Amino acid sequence: MDIAEISMNLSQNSLMSAVGTAMLGKTIDLVEGQAKALTESMDMNSPSLESLVYPTSGTMIDMRV
């Protein structure tokens, strides 16, 4: 290997590392946005699917003393 080839390989490795880091940053931003949307969609005030199918389920408690 000559000096020019080594320099070219090092430059390409540096570029690929920078591109990989930038892509990882974009992926992290995307996943954070998706996680935020998921947590917002899981609002505790909205009815569950089970309560839509069985609307009277869990509304009364039978207790004997």
Protein backbone atom coordinates (compact mmCIF):
# COMPACT_ATOMS: atom_id res chain seq x y z
CA MET A 1 0.00 0.00 0.00
CA ASP A 2 1.22 3.45 -0.76
CA ILE A 3 0.59 6.65 1.18
CA ALA A 4 -2.11 7.92 -1.21
CA GLU A 5 -4.16 4.73 -0.86
CA ILE A 6 -3.89 4.76 2.93
CA SER A 7 -4.96 8.40 2.99
CA MET A 8 -7.91 7.66 0.74
CA ASN A 9 -9.02 4.71 2.91
CA LEU A 10 -8.78 6.78 6.08
CA SER A 11 -10.80 9.55 4.47
CA GLN A 12 -13.50 7.11 3.36
CA ASN A 13 -13.64 5.57 6.83
CA SER A 14 -14.01 9.00 8.37
CA LEU A 15 -16.82 9.87 5.95
CA MET A 16 -18.65 6.60 6.59
CA SER A 17 -18.36 7.14 10.33
CA ALA A 18 -19.80 10.67 10.03
CA VAL A 19 -22.67 9.42 7.84
CA GLY A 20 -23.41 6.58 10.27
CA THR A 21 -23.47 8.99 13.21
CA ALA A 22 -25.81 11.37 11.37
CA MET A 23 -28.16 8.51 10.44
CA LEU A 24 -28.18 7.29 14.03
CA GLY A 25 -29.13 10.77 15.22
CA LYS A 26 -32.01 10.93 12.74
CA THR A 27 -33.18 7.45 13.80
CA ILE A 28 -33.11 8.43 17.47
CA ASP A 29 -35.16 11.56 16.70
CA LEU A 30 -37.69 9.46 14.79
CA VAL A 31 -38.01 6.88 17.58
CA GLU A 32 -38.42 9.60 20.21
CA GLY A 33 -41.24 11.13 18.15
CA GLN A 34 -42.94 7.76 17.79
CA ALA A 35 -42.62 7.08 21.52
CA LYS A 36 -44.14 10.47 22.31
CA ALA A 37 -47.05 9.80 19.94
CA LEU A 38 -47.59 6.37 21.49
CA THR A 39 -47.67 7.71 25.03
CA GLU A 40 -50.10 10.44 24.02
CA SER A 41 -52.37 7.90 22.34
CA MET A 42 -52.49 5.79 25.51
CA ASP A 43 -54.52 8.39 27.36
CA MET A 44 -55.87 6.97 30.61
CA ASN A 45 -59.17 8.84 30.21
CA SER A 46 -60.15 6.99 27.05
CA PRO A 47 -62.25 3.84 27.43
CA SER A 48 -60.58 0.48 27.00
CA LEU A 49 -61.60 -1.88 24.22
CA GLU A 50 -63.01 -4.30 26.80
CA SER A 51 -65.31 -1.65 28.24
CA LEU A 52 -66.62 -0.94 24.75
CA VAL A 53 -67.52 -4.62 24.25
CA TYR A 54 -68.80 -5.20 27.81
CA PRO A 55 -70.06 -1.78 28.98
CA THR A 56 -71.37 -3.04 32.35
CA SER A 57 -68.27 -5.03 33.24
CA GLY A 58 -66.53 -3.70 36.34
CA THR A 59 -69.19 -1.16 37.23
CA MET A 60 -70.54 -3.00 40.29
CA ILE A 61 -68.88 -4.74 43.21
CA ASP A 62 -70.62 -7.61 45.00
CA MET A 63 -69.54 -7.66 48.64
CA ARG A 64 -70.79 -9.74 51.56
CA VAL A 65 -69.79 -9.19 55.15
